[in-house]
C-alpha atoms as a PDB file:
ATOM      1  CA  MET A   1       2.653 -17.366   7.619  1.00  0.00           C
ATOM      2  CA  LEU A   2       3.970 -20.070   5.265  1.00  0.00           C
ATOM      3  CA  ARG A   3       2.936 -22.709   7.795  1.00  0.00           C
ATOM      4  CA  ASP A   4      -0.577 -21.282   7.952  1.00  0.00           C
ATOM      5  CA  ILE A   5      -0.907 -21.182   4.160  1.00  0.00           C
ATOM      6  CA  LEU A   6       0.322 -24.762   3.731  1.00  0.00           C
ATOM      7  CA  ARG A   7      -1.892 -26.069   6.523  1.00  0.00           C
ATOM      8  CA  GLY A   8      -4.918 -25.186   4.435  1.00  0.00           C
ATOM      9  CA  ASP A   9      -7.339 -24.528   7.281  1.00  0.00           C
ATOM     10  CA  ASP A  10      -6.326 -21.115   8.612  1.00  0.00           C
ATOM     11  CA  PRO A  11      -9.525 -19.010   8.940  1.00  0.00           C
ATOM     12  CA  GLN A  12      -7.929 -15.764   7.757  1.00  0.00           C
ATOM     13  CA  ILE A  13      -6.266 -17.330   4.722  1.00  0.00           C
ATOM     14  CA  THR A  14      -9.457 -19.190   3.824  1.00  0.00           C
ATOM     15  CA  ALA A  15     -11.341 -15.894   3.995  1.00  0.00           C
ATOM     16  CA  LEU A  16      -8.653 -14.130   1.939  1.00  0.00           C
ATOM     17  CA  LEU A  17      -8.971 -16.750  -0.800  1.00  0.00           C
ATOM     18  CA  GLN A  18     -12.745 -16.334  -0.810  1.00  0.00           C
ATOM     19  CA  VAL A  19     -12.454 -12.573  -1.265  1.00  0.00           C
ATOM     20  CA  ILE A  20      -9.848 -12.742  -4.052  1.00  0.00           C
ATOM     21  CA  THR A  21     -11.682 -15.466  -5.982  1.00  0.00           C
ATOM     22  CA  ALA A  22     -14.963 -13.566  -5.665  1.00  0.00           C
ATOM     23  CA  VAL A  23     -13.470 -10.460  -7.310  1.00  0.00           C
ATOM     24  CA  ARG A  24     -11.119 -12.367  -9.678  1.00  0.00           C
ATOM     25  CA  PRO A  25      -8.809  -9.482 -10.583  1.00  0.00           C
ATOM     26  CA  ASP A  26      -6.475  -9.824 -13.560  1.00  0.00           C
ATOM     27  CA  VAL A  27      -3.758  -8.028 -11.604  1.00  0.00           C
ATOM     28  CA  LEU A  28      -3.561  -8.055  -7.820  1.00  0.00           C
ATOM     29  CA  HIS A  29      -1.471  -5.896  -5.491  1.00  0.00           C
ATOM     30  CA  LEU A  30      -0.997  -7.480  -2.057  1.00  0.00           C
ATOM     31  CA  THR A  31       0.292  -5.671   1.020  1.00  0.00           C
ATOM     32  CA  ASP A  32       1.296  -6.938   4.469  1.00  0.00           C
ATOM     33  CA  LEU A  33       2.573 -10.160   2.921  1.00  0.00           C
ATOM     34  CA  ASP A  34       5.754 -11.346   4.635  1.00  0.00           C
ATOM     35  CA  TYR A  35       8.710 -11.645   2.271  1.00  0.00           C
ATOM     36  CA  ASP A  36      11.103 -14.561   2.116  1.00  0.00           C
ATOM     37  CA  LEU A  37      14.141 -14.727  -0.140  1.00  0.00           C
ATOM     38  CA  ASP A  38      13.011 -17.682  -2.257  1.00  0.00           C
ATOM     39  CA  GLY A  39       9.367 -16.649  -2.369  1.00  0.00           C
ATOM     40  CA  HIS A  40       8.024 -19.798  -0.721  1.00  0.00           C
ATOM     41  CA  ALA A  41       5.072 -18.038   0.911  1.00  0.00           C
ATOM     42  CA  LEU A  42       4.052 -16.256  -2.286  1.00  0.00           C
ATOM     43  CA  THR A  43       4.366 -19.515  -4.262  1.00  0.00           C
ATOM     44  CA  ALA A  44       2.175 -21.296  -1.723  1.00  0.00           C
ATOM     45  CA  LEU A  45      -0.452 -18.555  -2.025  1.00  0.00           C
ATOM     46  CA  GLN A  46      -0.325 -18.732  -5.833  1.00  0.00           C
ATOM     47  CA  ASN A  47      -0.816 -22.499  -5.651  1.00  0.00           C
ATOM     48  CA  MET A  48      -3.804 -22.158  -3.335  1.00  0.00           C
ATOM     49  CA  LEU A  49      -5.405 -19.604  -5.650  1.00  0.00           C
ATOM     50  CA  ALA A  50      -4.803 -21.942  -8.585  1.00  0.00           C
ATOM     51  CA  THR A  51      -6.719 -24.722  -6.801  1.00  0.00           C
ATOM     52  CA  GLN A  52      -9.628 -22.249  -6.646  1.00  0.00           C
ATOM     53  CA  GLY A  53      -9.471 -21.727 -10.399  1.00  0.00           C
ATOM     54  CA  LEU A  54      -7.581 -18.442 -10.313  1.00  0.00           C
ATOM     55  CA  ASP A  55      -4.191 -18.794 -11.968  1.00  0.00           C
ATOM     56  CA  TYR A  56      -1.564 -16.078 -11.652  1.00  0.00           C
ATOM     57  CA  PRO A  57       1.466 -17.290 -13.621  1.00  0.00           C
ATOM     58  CA  TYR A  58       3.359 -13.992 -13.273  1.00  0.00           C
ATOM     59  CA  ARG A  59       4.485 -12.167 -10.172  1.00  0.00           C
ATOM     60  CA  PHE A  60       6.823  -9.583  -8.749  1.00  0.00           C
ATOM     61  CA  THR A  61       8.089  -9.089  -5.236  1.00  0.00           C
ATOM     62  CA  ALA A  62      11.197  -7.564  -3.701  1.00  0.00           C
ATOM     63  CA  HIS A  63      12.731  -7.166  -0.283  1.00  0.00           C
ATOM     64  CA  PRO A  64      10.791  -4.527   1.646  1.00  0.00           C
ATOM     65  CA  ASN A  65      12.340  -1.924   3.910  1.00  0.00           C
ATOM     66  CA  SER A  66      10.170  -3.186   6.756  1.00  0.00           C
ATOM     67  CA  GLY A  67      12.354  -5.107   9.177  1.00  0.00           C
ATOM     68  CA  LEU A  68      15.582  -4.125   7.380  1.00  0.00           C
ATOM     69  CA  SER A  69      17.838  -3.503  10.368  1.00  0.00           C
ATOM     70  CA  THR A  70      20.146  -0.531  10.895  1.00  0.00           C
ATOM     71  CA  PRO A  71      22.821   0.039  13.560  1.00  0.00           C
ATOM     72  CA  LEU A  72      21.225   3.345  14.605  1.00  0.00           C
ATOM     73  CA  ASP A  73      18.434   4.532  16.869  1.00  0.00           C
ATOM     74  CA  MET A  74      15.880   5.317  14.181  1.00  0.00           C
ATOM     75  CA  ASP A  75      12.853   5.869  16.417  1.00  0.00           C
ATOM     76  CA  GLY A  76      14.433   8.067  19.099  1.00  0.00           C
ATOM     77  CA  ASP A  77      13.715   5.757  22.041  1.00  0.00           C
ATOM     78  CA  GLY A  78      17.353   5.669  23.158  1.00  0.00           C
ATOM     79  CA  ARG A  79      17.757   1.953  22.411  1.00  0.00           C
ATOM     80  CA  LEU A  80      19.137  -0.048  19.500  1.00  0.00           C
ATOM     81  CA  GLY A  81      17.912  -3.132  17.705  1.00  0.00           C
ATOM     82  CA  GLY A  82      14.166  -2.653  18.144  1.00  0.00           C
ATOM     83  CA  PRO A  83      11.520  -2.933  15.412  1.00  0.00           C
ATOM     84  CA  GLY A  84      11.468   0.862  15.110  1.00  0.00           C
ATOM     85  CA  ASP A  85      15.194   0.914  14.365  1.00  0.00           C
ATOM     86  CA  ALA A  86      14.726  -0.851  11.042  1.00  0.00           C
ATOM     87  CA  GLN A  87      14.388   1.104   7.798  1.00  0.00           C
ATOM     88  CA  GLY A  88      10.669   0.373   8.096  1.00  0.00           C
ATOM     89  CA  PHE A  89       8.993  -0.864  11.272  1.00  0.00           C
ATOM     90  CA  GLY A  90       9.362  -4.623  11.559  1.00  0.00           C
ATOM     91  CA  PHE A  91      10.211  -7.305  14.095  1.00  0.00           C
ATOM     92  CA  PHE A  92      12.038  -9.388  11.477  1.00  0.00           C
ATOM     93  CA  ARG A  93      13.534  -8.875   8.050  1.00  0.00           C
ATOM     94  CA  GLY A  94      10.840  -9.022   5.381  1.00  0.00           C
ATOM     95  CA  GLN A  95       7.851  -8.531   7.663  1.00  0.00           C
ATOM     96  CA  GLY A  96       4.840  -6.975   5.942  1.00  0.00           C
ATOM     97  CA  GLY A  97       6.124  -6.798   2.387  1.00  0.00           C
ATOM     98  CA  MET A  98       4.313  -6.390  -0.928  1.00  0.00           C
ATOM     99  CA  ALA A  99       3.701  -8.532  -3.992  1.00  0.00           C
ATOM    100  CA  ILE A 100       2.004  -8.266  -7.374  1.00  0.00           C
ATOM    101  CA  LEU A 101       0.283 -11.267  -8.977  1.00  0.00           C
ATOM    102  CA  SER A 102      -0.772 -11.081 -12.610  1.00  0.00           C
ATOM    103  CA  ARG A 103      -2.454 -13.069 -15.364  1.00  0.00           C
ATOM    104  CA  PHE A 104      -0.349 -11.061 -17.799  1.00  0.00           C
ATOM    105  CA  PRO A 105       3.452 -11.034 -18.240  1.00  0.00           C
ATOM    106  CA  ILE A 106       5.632  -8.860 -16.018  1.00  0.00           C
ATOM    107  CA  PRO A 107       9.020  -8.040 -17.608  1.00  0.00           C
ATOM    108  CA  VAL A 108      10.886  -8.163 -14.298  1.00  0.00           C
ATOM    109  CA  PRO A 109      14.190  -6.687 -15.610  1.00  0.00           C
ATOM    110  CA  GLN A 110      12.262  -3.504 -16.452  1.00  0.00           C
ATOM    111  CA  VAL A 111      10.857  -3.041 -12.934  1.00  0.00           C
ATOM    112  CA  ARG A 112      12.021   0.067 -11.101  1.00  0.00           C
ATOM    113  CA  ASP A 113      12.386  -0.417  -7.360  1.00  0.00           C
ATOM    114  CA  PHE A 114      12.739   2.905  -5.540  1.00  0.00           C
ATOM    115  CA  SER A 115      12.867   1.377  -2.060  1.00  0.00           C
ATOM    116  CA  GLY A 116      16.483   2.446  -1.587  1.00  0.00           C
ATOM    117  CA  PHE A 117      15.693   6.114  -2.280  1.00  0.00           C
ATOM    118  CA  LEU A 118      16.814   8.231   0.695  1.00  0.00           C
ATOM    119  CA  TRP A 119      14.268  10.445   2.387  1.00  0.00           C
ATOM    120  CA  ALA A 120      16.821  13.277   2.522  1.00  0.00           C
ATOM    121  CA  ASP A 121      17.101  13.164  -1.300  1.00  0.00           C
ATOM    122  CA  LEU A 122      13.430  13.989  -1.840  1.00  0.00           C
ATOM    123  CA  PRO A 123      13.053  17.592  -3.032  1.00  0.00           C
ATOM    124  CA  GLY A 124      11.415  19.546  -0.224  1.00  0.00           C
ATOM    125  CA  ALA A 125      11.774  16.670   2.257  1.00  0.00           C
ATOM    126  CA  THR A 126      10.664  17.559   5.766  1.00  0.00           C
ATOM    127  CA  ALA A 127      12.932  16.232   8.499  1.00  0.00           C
ATOM    128  CA  ALA A 128      11.085  15.765  11.772  1.00  0.00           C
ATOM    129  CA  THR A 129      12.254  17.894  14.691  1.00  0.00           C
ATOM    130  CA  ARG A 130      11.693  17.862  18.433  1.00  0.00           C
ATOM    131  CA  PRO A 131       9.753  20.727  20.034  1.00  0.00           C
ATOM    132  CA  ASP A 132      13.083  22.420  20.818  1.00  0.00           C
ATOM    133  CA  GLY A 133      14.007  22.386  17.128  1.00  0.00           C
ATOM    134  CA  THR A 134      16.680  19.662  17.257  1.00  0.00           C
ATOM    135  CA  PRO A 135      16.608  16.932  14.583  1.00  0.00           C
ATOM    136  CA  PHE A 136      14.579  13.796  15.343  1.00  0.00           C
ATOM    137  CA  PRO A 137      15.817  11.202  15.917  1.00  0.00           C
ATOM    138  CA  SER A 138      19.220  12.514  14.801  1.00  0.00           C
ATOM    139  CA  THR A 139      20.966  14.062  11.829  1.00  0.00           C
ATOM    140  CA  GLN A 140      22.865  10.806  11.301  1.00  0.00           C
ATOM    141  CA  ALA A 141      19.652   8.735  11.291  1.00  0.00           C
ATOM    142  CA  PHE A 142      17.907  11.040   8.818  1.00  0.00           C
ATOM    143  CA  GLY A 143      20.940  10.836   6.543  1.00  0.00           C
ATOM    144  CA  VAL A 144      20.548   7.058   6.088  1.00  0.00           C
ATOM    145  CA  GLN A 145      16.744   6.837   6.389  1.00  0.00           C
ATOM    146  CA  ARG A 146      15.103   5.413   3.307  1.00  0.00           C
ATOM    147  CA  LEU A 147      11.904   7.156   2.292  1.00  0.00           C
ATOM    148  CA  SER A 148       9.851   3.994   1.741  1.00  0.00           C
ATOM    149  CA  SER A 149       8.641   2.344   4.910  1.00  0.00           C
ATOM    150  CA  VAL A 150       7.846  -0.744   2.798  1.00  0.00           C
ATOM    151  CA  GLY A 151       8.447  -0.012  -0.882  1.00  0.00           C
ATOM    152  CA  HIS A 152       7.805   2.122  -3.954  1.00  0.00           C
ATOM    153  CA  TRP A 153       7.763   0.215  -7.267  1.00  0.00           C
ATOM    154  CA  ASP A 154       7.118   0.942 -10.936  1.00  0.00           C
ATOM    155  CA  VAL A 155       6.079  -2.453 -12.322  1.00  0.00           C
ATOM    156  CA  PRO A 156       5.245  -2.868 -16.038  1.00  0.00           C
ATOM    157  CA  VAL A 157       2.579  -5.383 -17.089  1.00  0.00           C
ATOM    158  CA  ILE A 158       2.141  -6.434 -20.730  1.00  0.00           C
ATOM    159  CA  LEU A 159      -1.578  -6.556 -21.544  1.00  0.00           C
ATOM    160  CA  PRO A 160      -3.039  -8.946 -24.159  1.00  0.00           C
ATOM    161  CA  ASN A 161      -3.227  -6.175 -26.801  1.00  0.00           C
ATOM    162  CA  GLY A 162       0.472  -5.390 -26.320  1.00  0.00           C
ATOM    163  CA  THR A 163      -0.058  -2.261 -24.216  1.00  0.00           C
ATOM    164  CA  VAL A 164       2.411  -1.919 -21.355  1.00  0.00           C
ATOM    165  CA  LEU A 165       0.627  -0.715 -18.224  1.00  0.00           C
ATOM    166  CA  HIS A 166       2.810   0.593 -15.407  1.00  0.00           C
ATOM    167  CA  LEU A 167       1.754  -0.122 -11.830  1.00  0.00           C
ATOM    168  CA  LEU A 168       3.028   2.517  -9.392  1.00  0.00           C
ATOM    169  CA  ALA A 169       2.711   0.407  -6.265  1.00  0.00           C
ATOM    170  CA  PHE A 170       3.451   1.347  -2.666  1.00  0.00           C
ATOM    171  CA  HIS A 171       2.573   0.926   0.999  1.00  0.00           C
ATOM    172  CA  ALA A 172       3.110   4.007   3.159  1.00  0.00           C
ATOM    173  CA  THR A 173       3.683   4.119   6.893  1.00  0.00           C
ATOM    174  CA  THR A 174       0.862   4.886   9.259  1.00  0.00           C
ATOM    175  CA  PRO A 175       0.958   8.568  10.303  1.00  0.00           C
ATOM    176  CA  VAL A 176       0.456   7.772  14.006  1.00  0.00           C
ATOM    177  CA  PHE A 177       2.354   5.976  16.805  1.00  0.00           C
ATOM    178  CA  ASP A 178       4.866   8.792  17.256  1.00  0.00           C
ATOM    179  CA  GLY A 179       5.262  11.918  19.384  1.00  0.00           C
ATOM    180  CA  PRO A 180       5.054  15.689  18.949  1.00  0.00           C
ATOM    181  CA  GLU A 181       7.816  15.537  16.346  1.00  0.00           C
ATOM    182  CA  ASP A 182       5.290  13.811  14.007  1.00  0.00           C
ATOM    183  CA  HIS A 183       8.005  11.685  12.437  1.00  0.00           C
ATOM    184  CA  ASN A 184       5.554   9.135  11.022  1.00  0.00           C
ATOM    185  CA  GLY A 185       3.196  11.867   9.880  1.00  0.00           C
ATOM    186  CA  TRP A 186       5.908  13.595   7.882  1.00  0.00           C
ATOM    187  CA  ARG A 187       7.220  10.331   6.461  1.00  0.00           C
ATOM    188  CA  ASN A 188       3.747   9.300   5.346  1.00  0.00           C
ATOM    189  CA  HIS A 189       3.323  12.727   3.723  1.00  0.00           C
ATOM    190  CA  ASP A 190       6.595  12.453   1.840  1.00  0.00           C
ATOM    191  CA  GLU A 191       5.967   8.858   0.731  1.00  0.00           C
ATOM    192  CA  LEU A 192       2.913  10.175  -1.106  1.00  0.00           C
ATOM    193  CA  GLU A 193       4.766  13.291  -2.222  1.00  0.00           C
ATOM    194  CA  PHE A 194       7.279  10.998  -3.963  1.00  0.00           C
ATOM    195  CA  TRP A 195       4.619   9.969  -6.471  1.00  0.00           C
ATOM    196  CA  ARG A 196       3.584  13.543  -7.227  1.00  0.00           C
ATOM    197  CA  LEU A 197       7.183  14.435  -7.974  1.00  0.00           C
ATOM    198  CA  TYR A 198       7.689  11.261 -10.006  1.00  0.00           C
ATOM    199  CA  LEU A 199       4.656  11.990 -12.185  1.00  0.00           C
ATOM    200  CA  GLU A 200       5.870  15.553 -12.710  1.00  0.00           C
ATOM    201  CA  ASN A 201       9.375  14.437 -13.768  1.00  0.00           C
ATOM    202  CA  ALA A 202      10.885  16.173 -10.749  1.00  0.00           C
ATOM    203  CA  LEU A 203      13.029  13.210  -9.657  1.00  0.00           C
ATOM    204  CA  PRO A 204      16.222  11.782 -11.186  1.00  0.00           C
ATOM    205  CA  ASP A 205      14.262   8.702 -12.365  1.00  0.00           C
ATOM    206  CA  GLN A 206      11.514   9.723 -14.744  1.00  0.00           C
ATOM    207  CA  PRO A 207       8.420   7.670 -15.568  1.00  0.00           C
ATOM    208  CA  ALA A 208       7.934   5.929 -18.891  1.00  0.00           C
ATOM    209  CA  ASP A 209       5.688   7.579 -21.448  1.00  0.00           C
ATOM    210  CA  ALA A 210       3.041   4.896 -21.013  1.00  0.00           C
ATOM    211  CA  PRO A 211      -0.334   4.357 -19.302  1.00  0.00           C
ATOM    212  CA  PHE A 212      -0.130   3.846 -15.556  1.00  0.00           C
ATOM    213  CA  VAL A 213      -2.115   3.211 -12.406  1.00  0.00           C
ATOM    214  CA  LEU A 214      -1.109   4.423  -8.944  1.00  0.00           C
ATOM    215  CA  LEU A 215      -2.206   1.894  -6.337  1.00  0.00           C
ATOM    216  CA  GLY A 216      -1.526   0.907  -2.763  1.00  0.00           C
ATOM    217  CA  ASP A 217      -2.126   1.522   0.904  1.00  0.00           C
ATOM    218  CA  ALA A 218      -1.573   5.232   1.536  1.00  0.00           C
ATOM    219  CA  ASN A 219      -2.584   4.876   5.201  1.00  0.00           C
ATOM    220  CA  LEU A 220      -4.199   8.297   4.872  1.00  0.00           C
ATOM    221  CA  ASP A 221      -7.812   9.420   4.572  1.00  0.00           C
ATOM    222  CA  PRO A 222      -8.499  12.737   2.801  1.00  0.00           C
ATOM    223  CA  ALA A 223     -11.108  13.841   5.361  1.00  0.00           C
ATOM    224  CA  ASP A 224     -10.931  11.809   8.592  1.00  0.00           C
ATOM    225  CA  GLY A 225      -8.429  10.312  10.977  1.00  0.00           C
ATOM    226  CA  GLU A 226      -4.918  11.555  11.641  1.00  0.00           C
ATOM    227  CA  GLY A 227      -2.164  12.512   9.243  1.00  0.00           C
ATOM    228  CA  ARG A 228      -1.211  15.309   6.884  1.00  0.00           C
ATOM    229  CA  GLN A 229      -4.219  14.946   4.634  1.00  0.00           C
ATOM    230  CA  ASN A 230      -3.092  17.473   2.052  1.00  0.00           C
ATOM    231  CA  ALA A 231      -0.748  14.776   0.704  1.00  0.00           C
ATOM    232  CA  ILE A 232      -3.548  12.436  -0.387  1.00  0.00           C
ATOM    233  CA  ARG A 233      -5.826  15.308  -1.387  1.00  0.00           C
ATOM    234  CA  THR A 234      -3.098  16.495  -3.739  1.00  0.00           C
ATOM    235  CA  LEU A 235      -2.906  13.102  -5.427  1.00  0.00           C
ATOM    236  CA  LEU A 236      -6.682  12.718  -5.667  1.00  0.00           C
ATOM    237  CA  ALA A 237      -6.904  16.105  -7.381  1.00  0.00           C
ATOM    238  CA  HIS A 238      -3.779  15.709  -9.521  1.00  0.00           C
ATOM    239  CA  PRO A 239      -4.460  16.444 -13.213  1.00  0.00           C
ATOM    240  CA  MET A 240      -2.532  13.345 -14.288  1.00  0.00           C
ATOM    241  CA  LEU A 241      -4.728  11.053 -12.159  1.00  0.00           C
ATOM    242  CA  GLN A 242      -8.417  10.252 -11.851  1.00  0.00           C
ATOM    243  CA  ASP A 243     -10.300   9.071  -8.815  1.00  0.00           C
ATOM    244  CA  PRO A 244     -13.014   6.529  -9.740  1.00  0.00           C
ATOM    245  CA  ALA A 245     -14.418   6.986  -6.202  1.00  0.00           C
ATOM    246  CA  PRO A 246     -15.058   3.269  -5.574  1.00  0.00           C
ATOM    247  CA  GLU A 247     -17.788   2.603  -2.996  1.00  0.00           C
ATOM    248  CA  SER A 248     -19.367  -0.278  -1.105  1.00  0.00           C
ATOM    249  CA  VAL A 249     -22.604  -1.100   0.662  1.00  0.00           C
ATOM    250  CA  GLY A 250     -20.743  -2.446   3.685  1.00  0.00           C
ATOM    251  CA  GLY A 251     -18.771   0.747   4.160  1.00  0.00           C
ATOM    252  CA  ALA A 252     -21.905   2.863   3.966  1.00  0.00           C
ATOM    253  CA  LEU A 253     -23.642   0.681   6.558  1.00  0.00           C
ATOM    254  CA  ALA A 254     -20.644   0.907   8.902  1.00  0.00           C
ATOM    255  CA  ALA A 255     -20.604   4.712   8.862  1.00  0.00           C
ATOM    256  CA  ASN A 256     -18.941   6.622  11.680  1.00  0.00           C
ATOM    257  CA  THR A 257     -21.172   9.420  12.891  1.00  0.00           C
ATOM    258  CA  HIS A 258     -18.159  11.519  13.916  1.00  0.00           C
ATOM    259  CA  HIS A 259     -16.558  11.360  10.443  1.00  0.00           C
ATOM    260  CA  THR A 260     -17.085  13.863   7.643  1.00  0.00           C
ATOM    261  CA  GLY A 261     -16.082  11.791   4.593  1.00  0.00           C
ATOM    262  CA  ARG A 262     -18.422   9.625   2.515  1.00  0.00           C
ATOM    263  CA  PRO A 263     -18.526   6.308   4.397  1.00  0.00           C
ATOM    264  CA  GLY A 264     -19.155   4.297   1.247  1.00  0.00           C
ATOM    265  CA  LEU A 265     -15.642   5.215   0.091  1.00  0.00           C
ATOM    266  CA  ASP A 266     -13.980   3.760   3.202  1.00  0.00           C
ATOM    267  CA  THR A 267     -11.631   0.839   2.653  1.00  0.00           C
ATOM    268  CA  ALA A 268     -10.529  -0.214   6.135  1.00  0.00           C
ATOM    269  CA  ASP A 269     -12.284  -0.972   9.414  1.00  0.00           C
ATOM    270  CA  TRP A 270     -10.416  -0.334  12.645  1.00  0.00           C
ATOM    271  CA  GLY A 271     -13.532  -0.287  14.800  1.00  0.00           C
ATOM    272  CA  ASP A 272     -15.264   2.512  16.635  1.00  0.00           C
ATOM    273  CA  PRO A 273     -14.901   5.078  17.935  1.00  0.00           C
ATOM    274  CA  VAL A 274     -11.284   5.826  16.965  1.00  0.00           C
ATOM    275  CA  PRO A 275     -10.048   5.668  14.290  1.00  0.00           C
ATOM    276  CA  GLY A 276     -13.132   3.925  12.924  1.00  0.00           C
ATOM    277  CA  ASN A 277     -13.483   3.263   9.201  1.00  0.00           C
ATOM    278  CA  LEU A 278     -11.222   5.186   6.850  1.00  0.00           C
ATOM    279  CA  ARG A 279     -10.424   5.464   3.163  1.00  0.00           C
ATOM    280  CA  VAL A 280      -6.750   4.540   3.013  1.00  0.00           C
ATOM    281  CA  ASP A 281      -6.425   2.155   0.020  1.00  0.00           C
ATOM    282  CA  TYR A 282      -6.447   3.534  -3.510  1.00  0.00           C
ATOM    283  CA  VAL A 283      -6.435   2.575  -7.186  1.00  0.00           C
ATOM    284  CA  LEU A 284      -5.939   5.783  -9.185  1.00  0.00           C
ATOM    285  CA  PRO A 285      -5.655   5.335 -12.963  1.00  0.00           C
ATOM    286  CA  ALA A 286      -4.025   7.871 -15.249  1.00  0.00           C
ATOM    287  CA  HIS A 287      -6.425  10.626 -16.284  1.00  0.00           C
ATOM    288  CA  ASN A 288      -6.595   9.443 -19.908  1.00  0.00           C
ATOM    289  CA  LEU A 289      -7.541   5.812 -19.189  1.00  0.00           C
ATOM    290  CA  THR A 290     -11.115   4.601 -19.626  1.00  0.00           C
ATOM    291  CA  VAL A 291     -12.669   3.361 -16.392  1.00  0.00           C
ATOM    292  CA  GLN A 292     -15.513   0.886 -16.902  1.00  0.00           C
ATOM    293  CA  GLY A 293     -16.284   0.281 -13.240  1.00  0.00           C
ATOM    294  CA  ALA A 294     -14.903   0.530  -9.722  1.00  0.00           C
ATOM    295  CA  GLY A 295     -15.803  -0.551  -6.223  1.00  0.00           C
ATOM    296  CA  VAL A 296     -14.730  -1.664  -2.776  1.00  0.00           C
ATOM    297  CA  PHE A 297     -15.499  -5.309  -2.038  1.00  0.00           C
ATOM    298  CA  TRP A 298     -17.291  -4.798   1.264  1.00  0.00           C
ATOM    299  CA  PRO A 299     -20.722  -6.443   1.259  1.00  0.00           C
ATOM    300  CA  ALA A 300     -23.282  -5.985   4.009  1.00  0.00           C
ATOM    301  CA  PRO A 301     -22.525  -8.048   7.135  1.00  0.00           C
ATOM    302  CA  ASP A 302     -25.409 -10.454   6.468  1.00  0.00           C
ATOM    303  CA  ALA A 303     -24.680 -10.791   2.730  1.00  0.00           C
ATOM    304  CA  PRO A 304     -22.739 -13.687   1.197  1.00  0.00           C
ATOM    305  CA  LEU A 305     -19.040 -13.310   2.052  1.00  0.00           C
ATOM    306  CA  GLY A 306     -19.809 -10.553   4.540  1.00  0.00           C
ATOM    307  CA  ASP A 307     -18.150 -12.581   7.281  1.00  0.00           C
ATOM    308  CA  ALA A 308     -15.245 -13.595   5.016  1.00  0.00           C
ATOM    309  CA  VAL A 309     -14.436  -9.945   4.276  1.00  0.00           C
ATOM    310  CA  ARG A 310     -14.278  -9.232   8.004  1.00  0.00           C
ATOM    311  CA  LYS A 311     -11.971 -12.209   8.685  1.00  0.00           C
ATOM    312  CA  ALA A 312      -9.657 -11.633   5.721  1.00  0.00           C
ATOM    313  CA  SER A 313      -8.281  -8.252   6.810  1.00  0.00           C
ATOM    314  CA  ARG A 314      -9.067  -4.874   8.306  1.00  0.00           C
ATOM    315  CA  HIS A 315      -8.593  -3.638   4.755  1.00  0.00           C
ATOM    316  CA  ARG A 316     -11.026  -4.228   1.925  1.00  0.00           C
ATOM    317  CA  LEU A 317     -10.178  -5.103  -1.660  1.00  0.00           C
ATOM    318  CA  VAL A 318     -10.432  -2.072  -3.972  1.00  0.00           C
ATOM    319  CA  TRP A 319     -11.007  -2.830  -7.664  1.00  0.00           C
ATOM    320  CA  VAL A 320     -11.079  -0.827 -10.874  1.00  0.00           C
ATOM    321  CA  ASP A 321     -11.960  -2.141 -14.356  1.00  0.00           C
ATOM    322  CA  LEU A 322     -10.060  -0.469 -17.196  1.00  0.00           C
ATOM    323  CA  VAL A 323     -10.754  -0.681 -20.930  1.00  0.00           C
ATOM    324  CA  PHE A 324      -7.844  -0.662 -23.418  1.00  0.00           C
END
């Protein structure tokens, strides 16, 4: 990935830069960005954005659980050392991490990184079981399994008026690619459940009494696709959150006739017929914040940047404007 960024002519990275510079967010949460210890890849991306007139002098990233190896069989396939035996699926350490870029200061010592939180320590955690009722993949594996497949962060950002806005950032596992035990489905559910409990002060670490925004890739649509949809429905309806319901023209035009949700709200395109387009990426401000606008950057295919959006990622950039 670093090679492709530095080369300067990679079609996907060129398209990604076009999308980001078109929206020009003050604060940007990136997912599926490979992590390296010294942050060379993130620095290279920052530098490329700066050449496009978009300067992000502040950032936060941390080692993701994806690719973090364990000595156990974590996916129940009877073998050790595979990508599914890491704390989060990954072929190498740091694959598919997260990062936050910001025009405003990030007091890094005040960041809370919950990525080491054990799944078994979540109140009401649901351990996956085989059809015969035995633990999946094993009691020992569940005992060391971290809840976050990538990460859960509480990142403060100091706004120009002095307000400290907390970003509750995450990237949950996909609820598919498993068996009847529904291990990924339950983990996805509980990764979202973590935030409900955090907001309700039901975890040992309690949130700051400050404005916040919950944002990330939940990998879960409230109406379509697979997964335990009550988890995202609960967050969307939570009294401490508001859903600005961001929409796009491109999503509406790419509607799936077999889906029941509003296609304009979709944020990712996996192609038809299955799973099709889904709403899986969210920016959910606190209920008492003032939302000035919101949208999904997904223009019509024949519109300017329509092709760039398609090349940049399966996912579309979700934006929300807040007034302080």
